[in-house]
Structures are given as C-alpha cells and as structure tokens.
Amino acid sequence: MTYFDAPGLENTEKTLQLAAERAKLQGIAEMVVATTSGRTAFKALEICKALKIVAVTYHCGFDEPFKPVMPEDVRKDLESRGVRVVSATHALSGVERSVFNKYSGSCPVLLIADTLRLFGQGTKVAVEISIMAADAGALSGKDIVSVAGSAHGADTALVIKPAHQSGLFDLRIREIICKPRNF
C-alpha cells in the first residue's frame, strides 16, 4: 500500500499508475473513476489502457438546478473513446441528506458515509462511485479498481467487490492500493 503525504491533484498520475498495476496483477478488467470535469477520466485513458473505464460524476442539478455537472462535449468525447459515463445521485447521501437538512437527527446512510471518511474522503467516494456504477448497470459484478479523490484529481484507489445500493452490505473493500496519510 502506498501513502501520500497529503491529498490532492498532484497524486492523480501516481494513483492511476498504482491502480493499473494492481488491476493487472489481480486480473481485474474494470475501473471506476470519479470525475466532474473529465480530467481524471482522460488521464485514466492514457495510463490504464487495458481497463474498461467507467467515469462517475455528480447528478444533474448538483451545482445548478437541471444542469449537468460534466459539460456535454466532455461527456461525448469520453464516450467516443469507449468510456461509460454515469451521472447519478450520490449513493451515500441522496434523498437522506435532504431529509436531514429539513428535519435534523441522525440518518443511517450519512453515518455510513462519515464512517468511511475516517479513512479519508477518497475512500468514501471510491465506495460510493462503485455503488453508483453498479446501480447504472455499468459493471459486471466482478472485482473492480475504484479511483477517487479528496477534492480535485485522484489520491485514493481501492480494490472493491461492488454491490448495488440495495445490497450495500455485500460490498467488500478487498484492498487499499493507495490513499493520503494526512487528510
């Protein structure tokens, strides 16, 4: 396992290299990558040539009502290169965050998200995007490498046995490939 001194964009290339190496060693064919601008997905295309890449981005309306986060031309470019782009509601918040914001109190899904954040924001996101990709029908059900970050770029990579939201507790984090030590 590799630790980065700090989270951030500067770890993206190394994270993707480590993820690709681990996928090859484990015979993993699928990679899920968190991206909003498309930059991390394009970098994954350069580095992870042997993998089927699924790019996961925020749901439409995240920043502005009824507007997608990822620009349409970026989405089309990624798809033309064979990347499956999934735009979906956050699996570990979604409607529950809306309920919490209106009524307060504890919400189990938000507790799960905060527990995963004990390992860093990238760990929570890597788990979350694997669920989002599974729910979109973009995965085979075999082990994947999931790559995410703490804000911009990628700094965390996990080997995950994916699951759908309805089977969350069947999901397994098999390996931590890399993550920030300080977050």
C-alpha atoms as a PDB file:
ATOM      1  CA  MET A   1       0.000   0.000   0.000  1.00  0.00           C
ATOM      2  CA  THR A   2       1.193   3.490  -0.825  1.00  0.00           C
ATOM      3  CA  TYR A   3       0.539   6.540   1.324  1.00  0.00           C
ATOM      4  CA  PHE A   4       0.640  10.103   0.033  1.00  0.00           C
ATOM      5  CA  ASP A   5       1.737  12.847   2.437  1.00  0.00           C
ATOM      6  CA  ALA A   6      -1.321  14.914   1.566  1.00  0.00           C
ATOM      7  CA  PRO A   7      -4.465  14.598  -0.541  1.00  0.00           C
ATOM      8  CA  GLY A   8      -4.780  16.319  -3.860  1.00  0.00           C
ATOM      9  CA  LEU A   9      -4.494  16.680  -7.588  1.00  0.00           C
ATOM     10  CA  GLU A  10      -0.729  16.134  -7.616  1.00  0.00           C
ATOM     11  CA  ASN A  11      -1.323  12.457  -6.726  1.00  0.00           C
ATOM     12  CA  THR A  12      -3.539  11.710  -9.733  1.00  0.00           C
ATOM     13  CA  GLU A  13      -0.977  10.231 -12.102  1.00  0.00           C
ATOM     14  CA  LYS A  14       0.679   8.051  -9.437  1.00  0.00           C
ATOM     15  CA  THR A  15      -2.732   6.885  -8.150  1.00  0.00           C
ATOM     16  CA  LEU A  16      -3.769   5.804 -11.646  1.00  0.00           C
ATOM     17  CA  GLN A  17      -0.424   4.083 -12.260  1.00  0.00           C
ATOM     18  CA  LEU A  18      -0.704   2.141  -8.980  1.00  0.00           C
ATOM     19  CA  ALA A  19      -4.331   1.259  -9.744  1.00  0.00           C
ATOM     20  CA  ALA A  20      -3.460  -0.012 -13.240  1.00  0.00           C
ATOM     21  CA  GLU A  21      -0.564  -2.094 -11.905  1.00  0.00           C
ATOM     22  CA  ARG A  22      -2.735  -3.641  -9.206  1.00  0.00           C
ATOM     23  CA  ALA A  23      -5.552  -4.358 -11.660  1.00  0.00           C
ATOM     24  CA  LYS A  24      -3.121  -6.136 -13.972  1.00  0.00           C
ATOM     25  CA  LEU A  25      -1.667  -8.171 -11.101  1.00  0.00           C
ATOM     26  CA  GLN A  26      -5.138  -9.179  -9.881  1.00  0.00           C
ATOM     27  CA  GLY A  27      -6.626  -9.789 -13.344  1.00  0.00           C
ATOM     28  CA  ILE A  28      -9.165  -7.002 -12.862  1.00  0.00           C
ATOM     29  CA  ALA A  29     -10.715  -5.668 -16.069  1.00  0.00           C
ATOM     30  CA  GLU A  30     -12.850  -2.737 -14.828  1.00  0.00           C
ATOM     31  CA  MET A  31     -12.010   0.619 -13.296  1.00  0.00           C
ATOM     32  CA  VAL A  32     -14.423   3.181 -11.892  1.00  0.00           C
ATOM     33  CA  VAL A  33     -13.142   6.765 -11.726  1.00  0.00           C
ATOM     34  CA  ALA A  34     -14.697   9.775 -10.008  1.00  0.00           C
ATOM     35  CA  THR A  35     -14.652  12.843 -12.253  1.00  0.00           C
ATOM     36  CA  THR A  36     -16.598  16.047 -12.717  1.00  0.00           C
ATOM     37  CA  SER A  37     -14.565  17.922 -15.328  1.00  0.00           C
ATOM     38  CA  GLY A  38     -13.445  14.741 -17.106  1.00  0.00           C
ATOM     39  CA  ARG A  39      -9.723  15.363 -16.428  1.00  0.00           C
ATOM     40  CA  THR A  40      -9.242  12.278 -14.260  1.00  0.00           C
ATOM     41  CA  ALA A  41     -11.090  10.100 -16.777  1.00  0.00           C
ATOM     42  CA  PHE A  42      -8.943  11.379 -19.652  1.00  0.00           C
ATOM     43  CA  LYS A  43      -5.806  10.731 -17.601  1.00  0.00           C
ATOM     44  CA  ALA A  44      -7.098   7.217 -16.852  1.00  0.00           C
ATOM     45  CA  LEU A  45      -7.477   6.625 -20.599  1.00  0.00           C
ATOM     46  CA  GLU A  46      -3.780   7.453 -21.035  1.00  0.00           C
ATOM     47  CA  ILE A  47      -2.496   5.332 -18.166  1.00  0.00           C
ATOM     48  CA  CYS A  48      -4.995   2.480 -17.849  1.00  0.00           C
ATOM     49  CA  LYS A  49      -5.286   1.380 -21.463  1.00  0.00           C
ATOM     50  CA  ALA A  50      -6.067  -2.268 -20.678  1.00  0.00           C
ATOM     51  CA  LEU A  51      -9.066  -1.470 -18.465  1.00  0.00           C
ATOM     52  CA  LYS A  52     -12.720  -0.814 -19.191  1.00  0.00           C
ATOM     53  CA  ILE A  53     -13.249   2.629 -17.642  1.00  0.00           C
ATOM     54  CA  VAL A  54     -16.453   3.883 -16.082  1.00  0.00           C
ATOM     55  CA  ALA A  55     -16.441   7.602 -15.234  1.00  0.00           C
ATOM     56  CA  VAL A  56     -18.859   8.613 -12.482  1.00  0.00           C
ATOM     57  CA  THR A  57     -19.940  12.198 -11.948  1.00  0.00           C
ATOM     58  CA  TYR A  58     -22.462  14.080  -9.809  1.00  0.00           C
ATOM     59  CA  HIS A  59     -26.141  14.026 -10.616  1.00  0.00           C
ATOM     60  CA  CYS A  60     -27.732  16.675 -12.772  1.00  0.00           C
ATOM     61  CA  GLY A  61     -28.657  19.677 -10.606  1.00  0.00           C
ATOM     62  CA  PHE A  62     -25.780  19.261  -8.132  1.00  0.00           C
ATOM     63  CA  ASP A  63     -24.400  22.750  -8.816  1.00  0.00           C
ATOM     64  CA  GLU A  64     -27.355  24.350 -10.561  1.00  0.00           C
ATOM     65  CA  PRO A  65     -30.926  23.029 -10.956  1.00  0.00           C
ATOM     66  CA  PHE A  66     -31.417  20.932 -14.096  1.00  0.00           C
ATOM     67  CA  LYS A  67     -27.843  21.447 -15.347  1.00  0.00           C
ATOM     68  CA  PRO A  68     -25.378  18.588 -15.691  1.00  0.00           C
ATOM     69  CA  VAL A  69     -22.056  18.986 -13.887  1.00  0.00           C
ATOM     70  CA  MET A  70     -19.950  17.478 -16.659  1.00  0.00           C
ATOM     71  CA  PRO A  71     -20.046  19.526 -19.856  1.00  0.00           C
ATOM     72  CA  GLU A  72     -21.853  17.693 -22.662  1.00  0.00           C
ATOM     73  CA  ASP A  73     -18.907  17.968 -25.070  1.00  0.00           C
ATOM     74  CA  VAL A  74     -16.638  16.329 -22.479  1.00  0.00           C
ATOM     75  CA  ARG A  75     -19.151  13.527 -21.918  1.00  0.00           C
ATOM     76  CA  LYS A  76     -19.424  12.905 -25.662  1.00  0.00           C
ATOM     77  CA  ASP A  77     -15.643  12.905 -26.081  1.00  0.00           C
ATOM     78  CA  LEU A  78     -15.179  10.382 -23.272  1.00  0.00           C
ATOM     79  CA  GLU A  79     -17.961   8.165 -24.638  1.00  0.00           C
ATOM     80  CA  SER A  80     -16.463   8.311 -28.138  1.00  0.00           C
ATOM     81  CA  ARG A  81     -13.272   6.885 -26.604  1.00  0.00           C
ATOM     82  CA  GLY A  82     -15.139   3.982 -25.024  1.00  0.00           C
ATOM     83  CA  VAL A  83     -15.645   5.365 -21.516  1.00  0.00           C
ATOM     84  CA  ARG A  84     -19.035   4.702 -19.953  1.00  0.00           C
ATOM     85  CA  VAL A  85     -20.123   7.939 -18.245  1.00  0.00           C
ATOM     86  CA  VAL A  86     -22.527   7.627 -15.320  1.00  0.00           C
ATOM     87  CA  SER A  87     -24.216  10.676 -13.839  1.00  0.00           C
ATOM     88  CA  ALA A  88     -26.063   9.661 -10.690  1.00  0.00           C
ATOM     89  CA  THR A  89     -27.275  10.712  -7.267  1.00  0.00           C
ATOM     90  CA  HIS A  90     -24.722  10.195  -4.529  1.00  0.00           C
ATOM     91  CA  ALA A  91     -25.284   6.684  -3.235  1.00  0.00           C
ATOM     92  CA  LEU A  92     -24.279   7.622   0.309  1.00  0.00           C
ATOM     93  CA  SER A  93     -26.432  10.710   0.742  1.00  0.00           C
ATOM     94  CA  GLY A  94     -29.054  11.394  -1.933  1.00  0.00           C
ATOM     95  CA  VAL A  95     -32.537  11.927  -0.536  1.00  0.00           C
ATOM     96  CA  GLU A  96     -31.352  11.232   3.005  1.00  0.00           C
ATOM     97  CA  ARG A  97     -29.293  14.454   3.014  1.00  0.00           C
ATOM     98  CA  SER A  98     -32.422  16.380   2.051  1.00  0.00           C
ATOM     99  CA  VAL A  99     -34.349  14.783   4.929  1.00  0.00           C
ATOM    100  CA  PHE A 100     -31.503  15.559   7.352  1.00  0.00           C
ATOM    101  CA  ASN A 101     -31.301  19.182   6.200  1.00  0.00           C
ATOM    102  CA  LYS A 102     -35.025  19.655   6.737  1.00  0.00           C
ATOM    103  CA  TYR A 103     -35.640  17.634   9.918  1.00  0.00           C
ATOM    104  CA  SER A 104     -32.191  17.117  11.527  1.00  0.00           C
ATOM    105  CA  GLY A 105     -31.489  13.993  13.523  1.00  0.00           C
ATOM    106  CA  SER A 106     -29.343  11.051  12.571  1.00  0.00           C
ATOM    107  CA  CYS A 107     -29.608   9.274   9.273  1.00  0.00           C
ATOM    108  CA  PRO A 108     -28.043   5.820   8.815  1.00  0.00           C
ATOM    109  CA  VAL A 109     -26.686   6.372   5.304  1.00  0.00           C
ATOM    110  CA  LEU A 110     -24.953   9.593   6.360  1.00  0.00           C
ATOM    111  CA  LEU A 111     -23.429   7.695   9.288  1.00  0.00           C
ATOM    112  CA  ILE A 112     -22.051   5.122   6.839  1.00  0.00           C
ATOM    113  CA  ALA A 113     -20.571   7.922   4.713  1.00  0.00           C
ATOM    114  CA  ASP A 114     -18.966   9.579   7.735  1.00  0.00           C
ATOM    115  CA  THR A 115     -17.554   6.248   8.906  1.00  0.00           C
ATOM    116  CA  LEU A 116     -15.911   5.716   5.514  1.00  0.00           C
ATOM    117  CA  ARG A 117     -14.488   9.252   5.741  1.00  0.00           C
ATOM    118  CA  LEU A 118     -12.489   8.062   8.761  1.00  0.00           C
ATOM    119  CA  PHE A 119     -10.223   6.550   6.084  1.00  0.00           C
ATOM    120  CA  GLY A 120     -10.328   9.771   4.029  1.00  0.00           C
ATOM    121  CA  GLN A 121     -12.727  11.471   1.654  1.00  0.00           C
ATOM    122  CA  GLY A 122     -11.342   9.485  -1.276  1.00  0.00           C
ATOM    123  CA  THR A 123     -12.226   6.186   0.405  1.00  0.00           C
ATOM    124  CA  LYS A 124     -15.830   7.274   0.891  1.00  0.00           C
ATOM    125  CA  VAL A 125     -16.046   8.464  -2.722  1.00  0.00           C
ATOM    126  CA  ALA A 126     -14.409   5.309  -4.123  1.00  0.00           C
ATOM    127  CA  VAL A 127     -17.009   3.160  -2.359  1.00  0.00           C
ATOM    128  CA  GLU A 128     -19.828   5.485  -3.380  1.00  0.00           C
ATOM    129  CA  ILE A 129     -18.964   5.604  -7.084  1.00  0.00           C
ATOM    130  CA  SER A 130     -18.699   1.828  -7.205  1.00  0.00           C
ATOM    131  CA  ILE A 131     -22.299   1.654  -5.957  1.00  0.00           C
ATOM    132  CA  MET A 132     -23.428   4.328  -8.414  1.00  0.00           C
ATOM    133  CA  ALA A 133     -21.778   2.481 -11.327  1.00  0.00           C
ATOM    134  CA  ALA A 134     -23.307  -0.832 -10.217  1.00  0.00           C
ATOM    135  CA  ASP A 135     -26.773   0.733  -9.997  1.00  0.00           C
ATOM    136  CA  ALA A 136     -26.342   2.188 -13.501  1.00  0.00           C
ATOM    137  CA  GLY A 137     -25.650  -1.277 -14.897  1.00  0.00           C
ATOM    138  CA  ALA A 138     -22.106  -0.316 -15.869  1.00  0.00           C
ATOM    139  CA  LEU A 139     -20.302  -3.152 -14.057  1.00  0.00           C
ATOM    140  CA  SER A 140     -20.075  -6.907 -14.463  1.00  0.00           C
ATOM    141  CA  GLY A 141     -20.152  -7.688 -10.738  1.00  0.00           C
ATOM    142  CA  LYS A 142     -16.537  -8.848 -10.680  1.00  0.00           C
ATOM    143  CA  ASP A 143     -13.892  -7.075  -8.596  1.00  0.00           C
ATOM    144  CA  ILE A 144     -13.041  -3.569  -9.767  1.00  0.00           C
ATOM    145  CA  VAL A 145     -10.490  -0.888  -9.053  1.00  0.00           C
ATOM    146  CA  SER A 146     -12.199   2.264  -7.841  1.00  0.00           C
ATOM    147  CA  VAL A 147     -10.314   5.568  -8.033  1.00  0.00           C
ATOM    148  CA  ALA A 148     -11.388   8.769  -6.311  1.00  0.00           C
ATOM    149  CA  GLY A 149     -10.052  11.845  -4.598  1.00  0.00           C
ATOM    150  CA  SER A 150     -10.456  14.323  -1.817  1.00  0.00           C
ATOM    151  CA  ALA A 151     -11.449  17.348  -3.912  1.00  0.00           C
ATOM    152  CA  HIS A 152      -9.678  17.567  -7.276  1.00  0.00           C
ATOM    153  CA  GLY A 153      -7.917  14.750  -9.055  1.00  0.00           C
ATOM    154  CA  ALA A 154      -7.353  11.313  -7.571  1.00  0.00           C
ATOM    155  CA  ASP A 155      -5.479  10.252  -4.449  1.00  0.00           C
ATOM    156  CA  THR A 156      -7.226   7.028  -3.428  1.00  0.00           C
ATOM    157  CA  ALA A 157      -7.552   3.653  -5.134  1.00  0.00           C
ATOM    158  CA  LEU A 158      -9.301   0.577  -3.778  1.00  0.00           C
ATOM    159  CA  VAL A 159      -9.971  -2.949  -4.993  1.00  0.00           C
ATOM    160  CA  ILE A 160     -13.687  -3.468  -4.404  1.00  0.00           C
ATOM    161  CA  LYS A 161     -16.206  -6.229  -4.858  1.00  0.00           C
ATOM    162  CA  PRO A 162     -19.049  -3.963  -5.987  1.00  0.00           C
ATOM    163  CA  ALA A 163     -22.672  -4.099  -4.901  1.00  0.00           C
ATOM    164  CA  HIS A 164     -25.884  -2.214  -5.592  1.00  0.00           C
ATOM    165  CA  GLN A 165     -27.408   0.176  -3.055  1.00  0.00           C
ATOM    166  CA  SER A 166     -29.970  -2.474  -2.190  1.00  0.00           C
ATOM    167  CA  GLY A 167     -27.146  -4.878  -1.306  1.00  0.00           C
ATOM    168  CA  LEU A 168     -24.710  -2.395   0.269  1.00  0.00           C
ATOM    169  CA  PHE A 169     -23.504  -4.813   2.922  1.00  0.00           C
ATOM    170  CA  ASP A 170     -22.444  -7.300   0.251  1.00  0.00           C
ATOM    171  CA  LEU A 171     -19.845  -4.757  -0.955  1.00  0.00           C
ATOM    172  CA  ARG A 172     -16.276  -5.577   0.084  1.00  0.00           C
ATOM    173  CA  ILE A 173     -13.216  -3.351   0.191  1.00  0.00           C
ATOM    174  CA  ARG A 174     -10.697  -6.019  -0.678  1.00  0.00           C
ATOM    175  CA  GLU A 175      -7.572  -3.850  -0.800  1.00  0.00           C
ATOM    176  CA  ILE A 176      -6.430  -0.295  -0.268  1.00  0.00           C
ATOM    177  CA  ILE A 177      -3.949   0.408  -3.069  1.00  0.00           C
ATOM    178  CA  CYS A 178      -3.162   3.978  -2.051  1.00  0.00           C
ATOM    179  CA  LYS A 179      -4.557   6.868  -0.041  1.00  0.00           C
ATOM    180  CA  PRO A 180      -3.427  10.068   1.654  1.00  0.00           C
ATOM    181  CA  ARG A 181      -1.935   9.638   5.125  1.00  0.00           C
ATOM    182  CA  ASN A 182      -2.896  13.151   6.185  1.00  0.00           C
ATOM    183  CA  PHE A 183      -6.379  14.376   5.350  1.00  0.00           C
END
